[in-house]
Amino acid sequence: MQITITPGAMRALEKDYMALRGVPGALLMEHAAQAVCGALERRIPGGRVLFVCGPGNNGGDGYAAARLWRAGGGEALVWELSAPAGGDAAMNRALALEAGVTILAPENALPPCDAAVDALFGTGLSRPVEGRAADIIRLLNESGLPVIAVDIPSGLCGETGRVLGEAVRAAETVTFHRLKLGLLLRDGPRCAGKLTVAPILIPAGFGTQEGLRCMEKADIARLLPPRPVDGHKGTFGRVVIFAGSLGMAGAAALCASAAIRAGAGLTTVLCRETILPMVQVLCPGAVCVPYTGAESAMRLLALADAAAVGCGLGQAEDALPALRAFRAASCPVVWDADALNLLARHDELLPLPENAVITPHPGEAARLLGSTAAEITDAPLESLQALREKCGCTVLLKGCRTLMTDGVHTAVNVQGTPALAKGGSGDVLTGLMVALLARRLPCTALETVQLAAMLHGLAGLRGAMKHGENCLTPMELAECIRLDAEMA
């Protein structure tokens, strides 16, 4: 499990570590430079690289990386915005010159090279980028070269993820010790590219700075125990899903298919009788029961280990009695899609039980909060907390970097692909999540929700590799779900 950190907290952590252990800042800078060279070596072994350096410690990382790149047999050229006044950055500039690295003032066009390293500004930037620095960033963005950003793309606020005037659009960001918060919010994902977290000597567990929790693939084995050899359907959870309507029977089938694929022992779909035959054909592994009112929901919920409501449900008022039954259920319930839209119109049903989970996208979140989707995406953490306060349960706010909270801890998911930006992907996530909740895993509810989001993102990556980002279908996405740690 990784934990994000803010720029201010990272500076304090580095200062505390150096004071406690007597470690000079230049040694941390050397480790950072080695990580940058490692990223370059993976992309363009031995190539010609332009290192663009600013006057601060971020530039110092760039000078050190240029020296190491040249020492390793590559060709290094440095553009410097202005020479550093002193400290570790000035020392590394001098060492780069001694090693034969060419240092020049920026020109109006990039020299021929295979890649560029952005070491202009670090995480401490707080004002808009202007003048010559903005010109250099535009040249980098227009060059078509793979750009490796050092710690954070220059021009991106490390605290908020907002672009400050102009920002580098990197192919990869090599960030140090812990993920910086701004890489994950607002414009961060668009600017950062691939995220690589590199150690810089500081032990992973050093410091008490809290941040967003980010699950890793290594956590799967810890959270998902092997299925016991004497297990049966009841061992792996009974799932009830109330979903689908005329024209959206596929949503119910996708949700149920994902629940089965994610290991649920018995999956039952409660749906309107008009679509029952379609759902049964689309998902033959599920039991299908006609919805005849609240009583039909209550009978199923009495035996359920977890439930889900909303996928393709439609917003007809005849669903309200069932929604009241799902709200009264003792098992965890995942509320998605049209169930959230109905909650927004009937907020007398709020707050929900604490063991419930809501999974809105920005539009649904906006309806719940009486705002706009743009306001949700502009203030994602604030919106997440507002949803928690209003709904009283665990919240998963969908986005390029999905955010989650249980009111105590906040988490983020970094696994995913644009292939998931397609109708039906959310139905698959709901089915996957309700199956994991029904398993009663040895972890908190928030960790179960995190695990579902990560496995959903990994399925998307696997499906995009097989079918392409444009061509991956939601049913293929469900088929790409893997729960075995060595396969996920």
Protein backbone atom coordinates (compact mmCIF):
# COMPACT_ATOMS: atom_id res chain seq x y z
CA MET A 1 0.00 0.00 0.00
CA GLN A 2 1.41 3.37 -1.03
CA ILE A 3 0.52 6.62 0.73
CA THR A 4 0.53 9.95 -1.11
CA ILE A 5 2.20 13.03 0.31
CA THR A 6 1.90 16.78 -0.18
CA PRO A 7 4.95 18.82 -1.24
CA GLY A 8 5.17 20.59 2.12
CA ALA A 9 5.00 17.32 4.03
CA MET A 10 7.67 15.82 1.77
CA ARG A 11 10.05 18.71 2.43
CA ALA A 12 9.50 18.29 6.17
CA LEU A 13 10.05 14.52 5.91
CA GLU A 14 13.33 14.97 4.01
CA LYS A 15 14.54 17.56 6.53
CA ASP A 16 13.70 15.31 9.46
CA TYR A 17 15.42 12.30 7.90
CA MET A 18 18.59 14.18 6.98
CA ALA A 19 18.83 15.67 10.48
CA LEU A 20 18.17 12.32 12.20
CA ARG A 21 20.58 10.25 10.12
CA GLY A 22 23.14 12.90 9.16
CA VAL A 23 22.49 12.24 5.47
CA PRO A 24 23.45 15.12 3.11
CA GLY A 25 20.90 16.35 0.60
CA ALA A 26 23.36 15.64 -2.22
CA LEU A 27 23.07 11.93 -1.52
CA LEU A 28 19.28 12.02 -1.89
CA MET A 29 19.79 14.01 -5.11
CA GLU A 30 22.14 11.32 -6.42
CA HIS A 31 19.54 8.61 -5.82
CA ALA A 32 16.92 10.74 -7.59
CA ALA A 33 19.23 11.18 -10.57
CA GLN A 34 19.85 7.44 -10.76
CA ALA A 35 16.09 6.82 -10.93
CA VAL A 36 15.71 9.33 -13.78
CA CYS A 37 18.52 7.64 -15.72
CA GLY A 38 16.81 4.29 -15.12
CA ALA A 39 13.64 5.61 -16.77
CA LEU A 40 15.66 6.89 -19.73
CA GLU A 41 17.48 3.58 -20.10
CA ARG A 42 14.18 1.73 -20.33
CA ARG A 43 13.02 4.01 -23.13
CA ILE A 44 16.08 5.05 -25.17
CA PRO A 45 19.19 3.11 -24.07
CA GLY A 46 22.30 5.14 -24.84
CA GLY A 47 20.41 7.89 -26.68
CA ARG A 48 20.92 11.64 -26.89
CA VAL A 49 19.01 13.46 -24.15
CA LEU A 50 18.24 17.11 -23.52
CA PHE A 51 18.10 17.93 -19.79
CA VAL A 52 16.17 21.14 -19.10
CA CYS A 53 17.21 22.45 -15.69
CA GLY A 54 15.89 25.18 -13.44
CA PRO A 55 17.81 26.95 -10.67
CA GLY A 56 16.46 24.95 -7.70
CA ASN A 57 16.86 21.43 -6.36
CA ASN A 58 14.74 20.02 -9.18
CA GLY A 59 17.34 21.42 -11.57
CA GLY A 60 20.02 19.90 -9.34
CA ASP A 61 18.44 16.47 -9.94
CA GLY A 62 18.62 17.24 -13.66
CA TYR A 63 22.32 18.22 -13.61
CA ALA A 64 23.15 15.07 -11.63
CA ALA A 65 21.15 12.90 -14.06
CA ALA A 66 22.92 14.50 -17.05
CA ARG A 67 26.30 13.64 -15.50
CA LEU A 68 25.27 10.06 -14.80
CA TRP A 69 23.78 9.67 -18.28
CA ARG A 70 27.03 10.77 -19.88
CA ALA A 71 29.05 8.52 -17.56
CA GLY A 72 26.88 5.59 -18.66
CA GLY A 73 27.68 6.15 -22.34
CA GLY A 74 24.76 8.35 -23.37
CA GLU A 75 24.97 11.86 -24.83
CA ALA A 76 23.79 14.63 -22.49
CA LEU A 77 23.04 18.25 -23.29
CA VAL A 78 21.72 20.70 -20.69
CA TRP A 79 19.59 23.76 -21.22
CA GLU A 80 19.57 25.86 -18.08
CA LEU A 81 16.99 28.51 -17.33
CA SER A 82 19.49 30.20 -15.02
CA ALA A 83 22.45 28.88 -13.07
CA PRO A 84 21.70 27.84 -9.47
CA ALA A 85 22.89 30.28 -6.84
CA GLY A 86 24.39 27.65 -4.56
CA GLY A 87 23.83 24.51 -2.56
CA ASP A 88 23.54 20.97 -3.91
CA ALA A 89 22.19 22.15 -7.27
CA ALA A 90 25.24 24.37 -7.89
CA MET A 91 27.56 21.54 -6.85
CA ASN A 92 25.93 19.13 -9.30
CA ARG A 93 26.14 21.72 -12.05
CA ALA A 94 29.88 22.01 -11.47
CA LEU A 95 30.27 18.22 -11.44
CA ALA A 96 28.33 17.96 -14.71
CA LEU A 97 30.67 20.48 -16.36
CA GLU A 98 33.72 18.58 -15.08
CA ALA A 99 32.27 15.39 -16.54
CA GLY A 100 32.05 17.00 -19.98
CA VAL A 101 28.34 17.77 -20.11
CA THR A 102 27.54 20.70 -22.40
CA ILE A 103 25.47 23.40 -20.68
CA LEU A 104 23.79 26.05 -22.85
CA ALA A 105 21.17 28.76 -22.62
CA PRO A 106 17.82 27.73 -24.12
CA GLU A 107 17.28 28.42 -27.82
CA ASN A 108 14.15 28.88 -29.89
CA ALA A 109 14.07 25.28 -31.08
CA LEU A 110 15.02 22.00 -29.48
CA PRO A 111 18.26 20.38 -30.68
CA PRO A 112 18.06 16.93 -32.29
CA CYS A 113 17.66 14.38 -29.50
CA ASP A 114 15.87 11.17 -28.58
CA ALA A 115 14.23 12.29 -25.34
CA ALA A 116 14.08 15.19 -22.90
CA VAL A 117 14.18 15.45 -19.12
CA ASP A 118 12.05 18.12 -17.47
CA ALA A 119 13.88 19.39 -14.36
CA LEU A 120 12.70 23.00 -14.52
CA PHE A 121 10.49 23.34 -11.45
CA GLY A 122 9.74 20.96 -8.62
CA THR A 123 6.78 20.43 -6.32
CA GLY A 124 7.23 23.76 -4.56
CA LEU A 125 6.02 25.85 -7.52
CA SER A 126 3.14 28.09 -6.45
CA ARG A 127 2.94 30.83 -9.09
CA PRO A 128 2.08 30.73 -12.81
CA VAL A 129 4.89 29.87 -15.21
CA GLU A 130 5.68 32.78 -17.49
CA GLY A 131 8.25 34.12 -19.92
CA ARG A 132 11.16 31.99 -21.07
CA ALA A 133 10.15 29.05 -18.87
CA ALA A 134 6.70 28.96 -20.46
CA ASP A 135 8.31 29.07 -23.92
CA ILE A 136 10.52 26.08 -23.05
CA ILE A 137 7.54 24.09 -21.78
CA ARG A 138 5.66 24.79 -25.02
CA LEU A 139 8.69 23.62 -27.04
CA LEU A 140 8.83 20.38 -25.05
CA ASN A 141 5.10 19.76 -25.49
CA GLU A 142 5.23 20.42 -29.23
CA SER A 143 8.38 18.37 -29.86
CA GLY A 144 6.80 14.92 -29.93
CA LEU A 145 9.70 13.64 -27.83
CA PRO A 146 9.17 11.41 -24.80
CA VAL A 147 9.62 13.72 -21.82
CA ILE A 148 10.62 12.35 -18.42
CA ALA A 149 9.48 14.70 -15.65
CA VAL A 150 11.59 14.86 -12.49
CA ASP A 151 9.33 14.46 -9.43
CA ILE A 152 6.44 16.41 -11.03
CA PRO A 153 5.79 17.95 -14.48
CA SER A 154 6.93 21.57 -14.39
CA GLY A 155 3.99 23.95 -14.13
CA LEU A 156 1.76 21.48 -12.26
CA CYS A 157 0.85 22.38 -8.69
CA GLY A 158 2.02 19.57 -6.43
CA GLU A 159 -0.72 20.29 -3.92
CA THR A 160 -3.83 20.71 -6.08
CA GLY A 161 -3.01 19.26 -9.51
CA ARG A 162 -3.88 22.54 -11.21
CA VAL A 163 -1.86 23.80 -14.18
CA LEU A 164 -0.10 27.02 -13.27
CA GLY A 165 -0.02 28.85 -16.61
CA GLU A 166 1.82 26.23 -18.69
CA ALA A 167 2.66 22.66 -17.71
CA VAL A 168 4.78 19.91 -19.23
CA ARG A 169 2.88 16.92 -20.63
CA ALA A 170 5.22 14.11 -19.72
CA ALA A 171 5.37 10.57 -21.05
CA GLU A 172 6.54 9.49 -17.60
CA THR A 173 6.97 11.15 -14.24
CA VAL A 174 9.61 9.76 -11.90
CA THR A 175 8.51 10.93 -8.48
CA PHE A 176 10.51 10.28 -5.35
CA HIS A 177 9.75 8.31 -2.18
CA ARG A 178 5.95 8.74 -2.32
CA LEU A 179 3.33 9.78 -4.87
CA LYS A 180 2.71 13.52 -4.75
CA LEU A 181 -0.92 14.48 -4.33
CA GLY A 182 -1.00 16.86 -7.30
CA LEU A 183 -0.07 14.05 -9.70
CA LEU A 184 -3.46 12.44 -9.07
CA LEU A 185 -5.89 15.36 -8.99
CA ARG A 186 -7.47 17.57 -11.68
CA ASP A 187 -4.88 18.06 -14.48
CA GLY A 188 -2.31 15.78 -12.84
CA PRO A 189 -3.11 12.54 -14.72
CA ARG A 190 -3.12 14.33 -18.08
CA CYS A 191 0.29 15.91 -17.43
CA ALA A 192 2.07 13.16 -15.55
CA GLY A 193 1.83 10.22 -17.95
CA LYS A 194 3.10 6.96 -16.52
CA LEU A 195 3.85 7.23 -12.80
CA THR A 196 7.03 5.72 -11.38
CA VAL A 197 7.72 6.00 -7.65
CA ALA A 198 11.45 5.73 -7.00
CA PRO A 199 13.17 5.28 -3.62
CA ILE A 200 15.76 7.90 -2.63
CA LEU A 201 17.33 6.22 0.42
CA ILE A 202 14.60 7.28 2.89
CA PRO A 203 12.97 4.12 4.37
CA ALA A 204 9.41 3.57 3.15
CA GLY A 205 7.99 3.63 6.68
CA PHE A 206 9.80 6.77 7.81
CA GLY A 207 7.58 9.62 9.01
CA THR A 208 3.96 9.85 10.08
CA GLN A 209 2.63 12.06 7.27
CA GLU A 210 -0.84 10.84 6.24
CA GLY A 211 -2.16 10.95 2.69
CA LEU A 212 -4.37 9.12 0.23
CA ARG A 213 -4.03 5.35 0.37
CA CYS A 214 -3.10 3.72 -2.91
CA MET A 215 -3.42 -0.05 -3.20
CA GLU A 216 -0.79 -2.01 -5.14
CA LYS A 217 -0.86 -5.37 -6.91
CA ALA A 218 1.21 -6.81 -4.07
CA ASP A 219 -1.79 -6.28 -1.77
CA ILE A 220 -3.97 -8.76 -3.67
CA ALA A 221 -2.47 -11.87 -2.09
CA ARG A 222 -2.89 -10.37 1.38
CA LEU A 223 -6.53 -9.45 0.89
CA LEU A 224 -7.77 -12.36 -1.22
CA PRO A 225 -7.14 -15.70 0.51
CA PRO A 226 -7.25 -18.89 -1.59
CA ARG A 227 -10.64 -20.55 -1.94
CA PRO A 228 -10.83 -23.43 0.56
CA VAL A 229 -10.96 -26.85 -1.05
CA ASP A 230 -14.13 -27.75 0.86
CA GLY A 231 -15.93 -24.53 -0.03
CA HIS A 232 -19.44 -24.45 -1.49
CA LYS A 233 -21.76 -21.81 -2.95
CA GLY A 234 -22.62 -20.44 0.46
CA THR A 235 -18.95 -20.10 1.40
CA PHE A 236 -18.35 -17.50 -1.28
CA GLY A 237 -21.32 -15.27 -0.70
CA ARG A 238 -24.87 -14.80 -1.90
CA VAL A 239 -25.33 -11.70 -4.05
CA VAL A 240 -28.63 -10.00 -4.89
CA ILE A 241 -28.74 -7.44 -7.71
CA PHE A 242 -31.77 -5.25 -8.49
CA ALA A 243 -31.07 -3.88 -11.94
CA GLY A 244 -32.19 -3.45 -15.53
CA SER A 245 -35.17 -2.00 -17.32
CA LEU A 246 -36.62 -2.16 -20.83
CA GLY A 247 -33.80 -1.05 -23.13
CA MET A 248 -31.14 -1.59 -20.43
CA ALA A 249 -31.34 -5.29 -19.72
CA GLY A 250 -27.65 -5.50 -20.63
CA ALA A 251 -26.69 -3.47 -17.56
CA ALA A 252 -28.20 -6.12 -15.27
CA ALA A 253 -26.47 -8.89 -17.20
CA LEU A 254 -23.10 -7.13 -17.11
CA CYS A 255 -23.34 -6.55 -13.36
CA ALA A 256 -24.32 -10.17 -12.70
CA SER A 257 -21.64 -11.53 -15.05
CA ALA A 258 -18.96 -9.52 -13.26
CA ALA A 259 -20.18 -10.76 -9.88
CA ILE A 260 -19.93 -14.38 -11.05
CA ARG A 261 -16.52 -13.75 -12.62
CA ALA A 262 -15.36 -12.17 -9.33
CA GLY A 263 -16.14 -15.35 -7.43
CA ALA A 264 -19.59 -14.86 -5.89
CA GLY A 265 -21.05 -18.19 -4.82
CA LEU A 266 -24.64 -17.49 -5.88
CA THR A 267 -25.80 -14.49 -7.90
CA THR A 268 -29.48 -13.58 -8.11
CA VAL A 269 -30.86 -10.85 -10.36
CA LEU A 270 -34.12 -9.20 -9.33
CA CYS A 271 -35.59 -7.49 -12.38
CA ARG A 272 -38.84 -6.46 -14.01
CA GLU A 273 -40.59 -9.37 -15.68
CA THR A 274 -40.43 -7.71 -19.12
CA ILE A 275 -36.66 -8.14 -19.27
CA LEU A 276 -36.22 -11.35 -17.27
CA PRO A 277 -35.85 -13.64 -20.33
CA MET A 278 -33.22 -11.34 -21.83
CA VAL A 279 -31.17 -11.19 -18.62
CA GLN A 280 -31.41 -14.97 -18.22
CA VAL A 281 -30.10 -15.55 -21.74
CA LEU A 282 -27.33 -12.95 -21.40
CA CYS A 283 -26.22 -14.30 -18.02
CA PRO A 284 -27.19 -17.96 -17.69
CA GLY A 285 -25.12 -18.38 -14.52
CA ALA A 286 -27.42 -16.10 -12.53
CA VAL A 287 -30.77 -16.88 -10.98
CA CYS A 288 -33.40 -14.42 -12.27
CA VAL A 289 -36.39 -13.46 -10.15
CA PRO A 290 -39.25 -11.15 -11.27
CA TYR A 291 -39.71 -7.95 -9.32
CA THR A 292 -43.26 -7.80 -7.95
CA GLY A 293 -42.79 -5.13 -5.28
CA ALA A 294 -40.97 -4.60 -2.02
CA GLU A 295 -41.86 -8.07 -0.73
CA SER A 296 -39.92 -9.79 -3.53
CA ALA A 297 -36.87 -7.68 -2.66
CA MET A 298 -37.13 -8.32 1.07
CA ARG A 299 -37.34 -12.10 0.61
CA LEU A 300 -34.09 -12.13 -1.34
CA LEU A 301 -32.30 -9.62 0.87
CA ALA A 302 -33.00 -11.69 3.98
CA LEU A 303 -30.60 -14.33 2.62
CA ALA A 304 -28.05 -12.04 0.94
CA ASP A 305 -24.45 -11.46 2.02
CA ALA A 306 -24.24 -8.34 -0.14
CA ALA A 307 -26.47 -6.58 -2.66
CA ALA A 308 -26.36 -4.01 -5.44
CA VAL A 309 -29.02 -1.73 -6.83
CA GLY A 310 -29.26 0.67 -9.76
CA CYS A 311 -27.47 -0.60 -12.88
CA GLY A 312 -29.75 0.25 -15.81
CA LEU A 313 -32.69 0.40 -13.41
CA GLY A 314 -34.31 3.45 -14.92
CA GLN A 315 -35.86 6.21 -12.84
CA ALA A 316 -39.47 5.07 -12.76
CA GLU A 317 -41.12 5.57 -9.39
CA ASP A 318 -42.20 1.91 -9.23
CA ALA A 319 -38.66 1.10 -8.09
CA LEU A 320 -38.96 3.18 -4.90
CA PRO A 321 -40.50 0.43 -2.72
CA ALA A 322 -37.55 -1.81 -3.58
CA LEU A 323 -35.09 0.98 -2.84
CA ARG A 324 -36.60 1.34 0.63
CA ALA A 325 -36.18 -2.41 1.11
CA PHE A 326 -32.54 -2.23 0.03
CA ARG A 327 -31.97 0.69 2.39
CA ALA A 328 -33.35 -1.43 5.26
CA ALA A 329 -31.19 -4.47 4.40
CA SER A 330 -28.71 -5.64 7.01
CA CYS A 331 -26.09 -6.64 4.44
CA PRO A 332 -23.80 -4.17 2.59
CA VAL A 333 -25.50 -2.63 -0.44
CA VAL A 334 -23.75 -0.99 -3.42
CA TRP A 335 -25.80 1.92 -4.80
CA ASP A 336 -25.01 2.83 -8.39
CA ALA A 337 -26.37 4.60 -11.47
CA ASP A 338 -30.14 5.13 -11.46
CA ALA A 339 -30.41 4.23 -7.78
CA LEU A 340 -28.29 7.31 -7.11
CA ASN A 341 -30.42 9.43 -9.40
CA LEU A 342 -33.50 8.30 -7.51
CA LEU A 343 -31.79 9.07 -4.20
CA ALA A 344 -31.06 12.57 -5.47
CA ARG A 345 -34.81 13.06 -6.04
CA HIS A 346 -35.81 11.37 -2.78
CA ASP A 347 -33.25 12.47 -0.25
CA GLU A 348 -35.58 11.44 2.56
CA LEU A 349 -33.86 8.06 2.04
CA LEU A 350 -30.56 9.64 3.07
CA PRO A 351 -28.34 9.04 4.89
CA LEU A 352 -27.82 5.41 3.98
CA PRO A 353 -26.60 2.76 6.44
CA GLU A 354 -22.90 3.04 7.23
CA ASN A 355 -22.13 -0.33 5.60
CA ALA A 356 -23.50 0.86 2.24
CA VAL A 357 -21.34 2.02 -0.69
CA ILE A 358 -22.22 4.62 -3.31
CA THR A 359 -20.36 4.73 -6.63
CA PRO A 360 -21.28 7.97 -8.46
CA HIS A 361 -19.60 9.43 -11.50
CA PRO A 362 -19.31 13.26 -11.48
CA GLY A 363 -22.76 13.76 -13.02
CA GLU A 364 -24.48 11.58 -10.44
CA ALA A 365 -22.43 13.17 -7.67
CA ALA A 366 -23.54 16.60 -8.88
CA ARG A 367 -27.19 15.57 -8.70
CA LEU A 368 -26.74 14.29 -5.16
CA LEU A 369 -25.00 17.50 -4.05
CA GLY A 370 -27.05 19.97 -6.09
CA SER A 371 -23.99 21.19 -8.03
CA THR A 372 -22.52 20.61 -11.49
CA ALA A 373 -20.22 17.93 -12.87
CA ALA A 374 -17.60 20.62 -13.55
CA GLU A 375 -17.69 21.66 -9.89
CA ILE A 376 -17.24 18.04 -8.82
CA THR A 377 -14.18 17.49 -11.02
CA ASP A 378 -12.70 20.86 -10.04
CA ALA A 379 -12.87 20.02 -6.32
CA PRO A 380 -12.75 16.20 -6.18
CA LEU A 381 -11.56 15.74 -2.59
CA GLU A 382 -14.00 18.32 -1.26
CA SER A 383 -16.83 16.69 -3.25
CA LEU A 384 -15.86 13.27 -1.92
CA GLN A 385 -16.12 14.49 1.66
CA ALA A 386 -19.43 16.25 0.95
CA LEU A 387 -20.86 13.01 -0.44
CA ARG A 388 -19.71 11.14 2.65
CA GLU A 389 -21.37 13.71 4.93
CA LYS A 390 -24.64 13.63 3.01
CA CYS A 391 -24.89 9.89 2.38
CA GLY A 392 -23.24 8.60 5.56
CA CYS A 393 -21.50 5.63 3.95
CA THR A 394 -18.40 4.62 2.00
CA VAL A 395 -18.07 6.69 -1.19
CA LEU A 396 -16.33 5.81 -4.45
CA LEU A 397 -16.18 8.86 -6.74
CA LYS A 398 -15.37 7.72 -10.26
CA GLY A 399 -12.84 9.50 -12.43
CA CYS A 400 -9.50 9.12 -14.16
CA ARG A 401 -8.13 8.69 -10.64
CA THR A 402 -11.03 7.25 -8.68
CA LEU A 403 -11.26 8.52 -5.09
CA MET A 404 -12.74 6.66 -2.11
CA THR A 405 -13.43 7.39 1.54
CA ASP A 406 -15.05 5.77 4.55
CA GLY A 407 -14.99 9.00 6.55
CA VAL A 408 -11.79 8.00 8.36
CA HIS A 409 -9.34 7.24 5.56
CA THR A 410 -9.25 8.43 1.95
CA ALA A 411 -7.92 6.35 -0.94
CA VAL A 412 -7.14 6.69 -4.63
CA ASN A 413 -6.92 4.17 -7.47
CA VAL A 414 -4.22 4.68 -10.10
CA GLN A 415 -4.88 1.57 -12.19
CA GLY A 416 -6.95 2.16 -15.29
CA THR A 417 -7.17 3.02 -18.95
CA PRO A 418 -9.28 5.22 -21.26
CA ALA A 419 -10.76 1.95 -22.53
CA LEU A 420 -13.00 2.06 -19.45
CA ALA A 421 -14.62 5.30 -20.65
CA LYS A 422 -17.53 3.39 -22.15
CA GLY A 423 -21.09 2.68 -21.09
CA GLY A 424 -21.28 -0.58 -19.15
CA SER A 425 -17.88 -0.36 -17.47
CA GLY A 426 -19.49 0.94 -14.29
CA ASP A 427 -21.93 -2.00 -14.24
CA VAL A 428 -18.94 -4.34 -14.28
CA LEU A 429 -17.35 -2.46 -11.37
CA THR A 430 -20.55 -2.74 -9.33
CA GLY A 431 -20.77 -6.49 -9.94
CA LEU A 432 -17.12 -7.00 -9.04
CA MET A 433 -17.49 -4.92 -5.88
CA VAL A 434 -20.66 -6.61 -4.60
CA ALA A 435 -19.04 -10.03 -5.10
CA LEU A 436 -16.02 -9.01 -2.99
CA LEU A 437 -18.26 -7.53 -0.29
CA ALA A 438 -20.23 -10.79 -0.18
CA ARG A 439 -16.98 -12.70 0.41
CA ARG A 440 -16.49 -10.85 3.75
CA LEU A 441 -12.75 -10.51 3.13
CA PRO A 442 -10.30 -10.08 6.02
CA CYS A 443 -10.07 -6.32 5.58
CA THR A 444 -12.03 -3.11 6.06
CA ALA A 445 -14.93 -2.12 3.81
CA LEU A 446 -12.79 0.66 2.34
CA GLU A 447 -10.04 -1.81 1.48
CA THR A 448 -12.62 -4.05 -0.22
CA VAL A 449 -13.82 -1.09 -2.29
CA GLN A 450 -10.19 -0.19 -3.10
CA LEU A 451 -9.51 -3.76 -4.16
CA ALA A 452 -12.55 -3.76 -6.45
CA ALA A 453 -11.47 -0.49 -8.08
CA MET A 454 -7.92 -1.76 -8.62
CA LEU A 455 -9.01 -5.14 -10.03
CA HIS A 456 -11.46 -3.33 -12.34
CA GLY A 457 -8.65 -1.06 -13.58
CA LEU A 458 -6.30 -4.01 -14.09
CA ALA A 459 -9.02 -5.83 -16.04
CA GLY A 460 -9.33 -2.76 -18.24
CA LEU A 461 -5.58 -2.69 -18.86
CA ARG A 462 -5.59 -6.40 -19.69
CA GLY A 463 -8.56 -6.00 -22.00
CA ALA A 464 -7.08 -2.96 -23.75
CA MET A 465 -3.88 -4.89 -24.40
CA LYS A 466 -5.87 -7.73 -25.93
CA HIS A 467 -8.59 -5.84 -27.80
CA GLY A 468 -7.35 -2.22 -28.00
CA GLU A 469 -8.53 0.82 -26.06
CA ASN A 470 -11.21 1.65 -28.59
CA CYS A 471 -12.57 -1.86 -29.11
CA LEU A 472 -12.81 -3.31 -25.61
CA THR A 473 -16.46 -4.12 -24.81
CA PRO A 474 -17.94 -4.21 -21.29
CA MET A 475 -18.58 -7.96 -21.54
CA GLU A 476 -14.95 -8.51 -22.58
CA LEU A 477 -13.97 -6.33 -19.62
CA ALA A 478 -15.87 -8.65 -17.27
CA GLU A 479 -14.15 -11.64 -18.84
CA CYS A 480 -10.77 -10.02 -18.12
CA ILE A 481 -11.32 -9.90 -14.35
CA ARG A 482 -8.65 -11.90 -12.53
CA LEU A 483 -8.54 -12.40 -8.77
CA ASP A 484 -5.51 -14.64 -8.49
CA ALA A 485 -2.55 -12.54 -7.33
CA GLU A 486 -0.15 -14.00 -9.88
CA MET A 487 -2.58 -13.31 -12.75
CA ALA A 488 -4.02 -9.89 -11.78
